[in-house]
Amino acid sequence: MNGYTAHPVPPTALEELRATDDAGRVPAPVTDDEGGAPLRCCLRRSRAGERIALVSYAPLRRWAARTGADPGAYDEQGPVFIHAEECAGPEGDGLAFTNAHRTVRRYSAEGRILGGQLVEPDGFAPALHKAFDDPAVAFVHVRAVEYGCFLYEVPRPD
């Protein structure tokens, strides 16, 4: 989508989350009988019969640990679905789950929220352009509106 690439939960974080999530809980994998869960490891919906786990994930905390930033009170954790075992990751640009209302939350290089935007299903590309028109925006988090859950990160394009 015009040079933007979604970053799912990183593979090293997935390994850790499959053992102990960011809330300190051991995941309880289940077989998804119906399918349709938004998987943050490969950025697609689960298929019936796949083994998945619902884990607590702190994306900003993990980003801050990699970059040395201090997100302060902006640190948060929330539920995300992942495959219970290693998967192939996303295909293409990974910009998934854009066929519904979403929130694009903008962050500075220091991990501070710079604002957000409610995005209509057909307005995703313009919302990303608008976010990155601000030179202070280092990355955005795409989130579900109905639950506020983290879906994926989009870094500033090169």
Protein backbone atom coordinates (compact mmCIF):
# COMPACT_ATOMS: atom_id res chain seq x y z
CA MET A 1 0.00 0.00 0.00
CA ASN A 2 2.19 2.78 -1.36
CA GLY A 3 5.42 1.83 0.39
CA TYR A 4 3.96 0.98 3.79
CA THR A 5 4.74 -2.33 5.44
CA ALA A 6 3.03 -3.81 8.46
CA HIS A 7 5.21 -5.30 11.16
CA PRO A 8 3.58 -8.19 13.03
CA VAL A 9 4.64 -9.25 16.50
CA PRO A 10 8.39 -9.93 15.98
CA PRO A 11 9.53 -13.59 15.89
CA THR A 12 11.69 -13.24 19.01
CA ALA A 13 8.74 -11.78 20.93
CA LEU A 14 6.50 -14.59 19.65
CA GLU A 15 8.90 -17.19 21.06
CA GLU A 16 8.75 -15.49 24.44
CA LEU A 17 4.97 -14.97 24.33
CA ARG A 18 4.40 -18.66 23.60
CA ALA A 19 6.19 -19.46 26.87
CA THR A 20 5.06 -16.54 29.07
CA ASP A 21 3.06 -13.53 27.92
CA ASP A 22 3.68 -9.90 28.84
CA ALA A 23 1.33 -10.20 31.81
CA GLY A 24 3.41 -13.09 33.18
CA ARG A 25 0.86 -15.77 32.25
CA VAL A 26 1.53 -19.10 30.59
CA PRO A 27 -0.60 -19.28 27.41
CA ALA A 28 -3.32 -21.90 27.08
CA PRO A 29 -3.42 -22.85 23.38
CA VAL A 30 -6.71 -24.04 21.91
CA THR A 31 -7.86 -25.49 18.63
CA ASP A 32 -9.84 -22.83 16.80
CA ASP A 33 -12.92 -24.76 15.71
CA GLU A 34 -14.50 -21.88 13.78
CA GLY A 35 -11.57 -19.81 12.47
CA GLY A 36 -11.62 -16.05 12.02
CA ALA A 37 -9.36 -14.85 14.87
CA PRO A 38 -7.06 -11.99 13.77
CA LEU A 39 -3.58 -13.47 14.14
CA ARG A 40 -0.83 -10.94 14.95
CA CYS A 41 1.99 -13.32 14.01
CA CYS A 42 1.11 -13.70 10.33
CA LEU A 43 -1.50 -10.93 9.92
CA ARG A 44 -4.32 -13.06 8.63
CA ARG A 45 -7.43 -14.63 10.11
CA SER A 46 -7.13 -18.07 11.65
CA ARG A 47 -8.49 -21.09 9.84
CA ALA A 48 -10.72 -23.71 11.41
CA GLY A 49 -8.60 -26.38 13.08
CA GLU A 50 -5.51 -24.22 13.70
CA ARG A 51 -3.94 -24.09 17.17
CA ILE A 52 -3.95 -20.53 18.51
CA ALA A 53 -3.36 -18.76 21.79
CA LEU A 54 -4.69 -15.53 23.24
CA VAL A 55 -1.79 -13.76 24.96
CA SER A 56 -1.14 -10.40 26.56
CA TYR A 57 1.25 -8.29 24.50
CA ALA A 58 2.92 -4.95 25.29
CA PRO A 59 4.05 -3.64 21.87
CA LEU A 60 5.29 -0.24 23.01
CA ARG A 61 7.20 -1.72 25.96
CA ARG A 62 8.99 -4.17 23.68
CA TRP A 63 9.71 -1.44 21.11
CA ALA A 64 11.12 0.78 23.88
CA ALA A 65 13.38 -2.03 25.12
CA ARG A 66 14.84 -2.36 21.58
CA THR A 67 15.33 1.38 21.06
CA GLY A 68 16.17 2.63 24.55
CA ALA A 69 13.11 4.91 24.63
CA ASP A 70 11.00 5.39 27.74
CA PRO A 71 7.28 5.34 26.90
CA GLY A 72 6.39 6.21 30.49
CA ALA A 73 2.67 6.06 31.13
CA TYR A 74 1.99 5.24 27.45
CA ASP A 75 3.14 1.66 28.08
CA GLU A 76 0.18 -0.70 27.86
CA GLN A 77 -0.57 -4.33 27.21
CA GLY A 78 -3.54 -6.06 25.70
CA PRO A 79 -4.82 -9.30 24.22
CA VAL A 80 -3.66 -10.60 20.85
CA PHE A 81 -4.17 -13.90 19.04
CA ILE A 82 -1.09 -15.75 17.79
CA HIS A 83 -0.43 -19.20 16.39
CA ALA A 84 0.40 -21.59 19.23
CA GLU A 85 3.41 -22.81 17.24
CA GLU A 86 5.80 -21.08 14.84
CA CYS A 87 4.25 -19.93 11.57
CA ALA A 88 5.55 -18.55 8.27
CA GLY A 89 4.72 -14.92 9.08
CA PRO A 90 2.88 -12.47 6.82
CA GLU A 91 2.88 -12.50 3.05
CA GLY A 92 3.35 -9.31 1.03
CA ASP A 93 3.18 -5.97 2.83
CA GLY A 94 1.15 -7.50 5.66
CA LEU A 95 -1.35 -4.64 5.66
CA ALA A 96 -4.24 -6.76 6.85
CA PHE A 97 -7.53 -6.26 8.60
CA THR A 98 -8.20 -2.97 6.79
CA ASN A 99 -11.74 -3.87 5.76
CA ALA A 100 -13.25 -2.50 8.96
CA HIS A 101 -13.11 0.65 11.08
CA ARG A 102 -9.64 1.00 12.60
CA THR A 103 -7.68 3.46 14.65
CA VAL A 104 -4.28 4.67 13.47
CA ARG A 105 -2.38 5.83 16.55
CA ARG A 106 0.72 7.95 15.88
CA TYR A 107 3.88 7.74 18.02
CA SER A 108 7.05 9.81 18.30
CA ALA A 109 10.56 8.34 18.40
CA GLU A 110 10.36 8.74 22.18
CA GLY A 111 7.28 6.53 22.37
CA ARG A 112 4.79 9.30 23.08
CA ILE A 113 1.35 9.32 21.47
CA LEU A 114 1.06 12.16 18.97
CA GLY A 115 -2.58 11.57 18.13
CA GLY A 116 -4.83 9.14 16.42
CA GLN A 117 -7.44 8.87 13.75
CA LEU A 118 -10.55 6.77 13.33
CA VAL A 119 -10.29 5.24 9.86
CA GLU A 120 -13.13 4.13 7.64
CA PRO A 121 -12.61 0.87 5.71
CA ASP A 122 -11.86 2.75 2.47
CA GLY A 123 -9.64 5.39 4.08
CA PHE A 124 -6.67 3.37 5.26
CA ALA A 125 -4.05 4.56 2.75
CA PRO A 126 -4.94 8.26 3.19
CA ALA A 127 -4.76 7.85 6.99
CA LEU A 128 -1.23 6.45 6.75
CA HIS A 129 -0.20 9.28 4.41
CA LYS A 130 -1.65 11.84 6.81
CA ALA A 131 0.11 10.26 9.80
CA PHE A 132 3.52 10.28 8.12
CA ASP A 133 3.07 13.81 6.74
CA ASP A 134 4.04 14.82 10.29
CA PRO A 135 7.85 14.47 10.48
CA ALA A 136 7.62 13.81 14.24
CA VAL A 137 5.76 10.53 13.64
CA ALA A 138 8.18 7.58 13.82
CA PHE A 139 5.60 4.79 13.59
CA VAL A 140 1.91 4.07 13.95
CA HIS A 141 -0.03 1.32 15.62
CA VAL A 142 -3.10 0.05 13.83
CA ARG A 143 -5.77 -0.96 16.34
CA ALA A 144 -9.20 -2.50 16.32
CA VAL A 145 -11.94 -0.02 17.18
CA GLU A 146 -14.31 -2.41 18.90
CA TYR A 147 -11.80 -3.69 21.47
CA GLY A 148 -8.85 -1.30 21.08
CA CYS A 149 -6.51 -4.24 20.48
CA PHE A 150 -3.15 -3.80 18.79
CA LEU A 151 -3.16 -5.27 15.27
CA TYR A 152 0.29 -4.29 13.95
CA GLU A 153 2.89 -1.55 13.66
CA VAL A 154 3.68 0.46 10.55
CA PRO A 155 7.08 2.22 10.67
CA ARG A 156 7.85 5.41 8.80
CA PRO A 157 8.73 4.37 5.23
CA ASP A 158 12.29 4.90 4.02
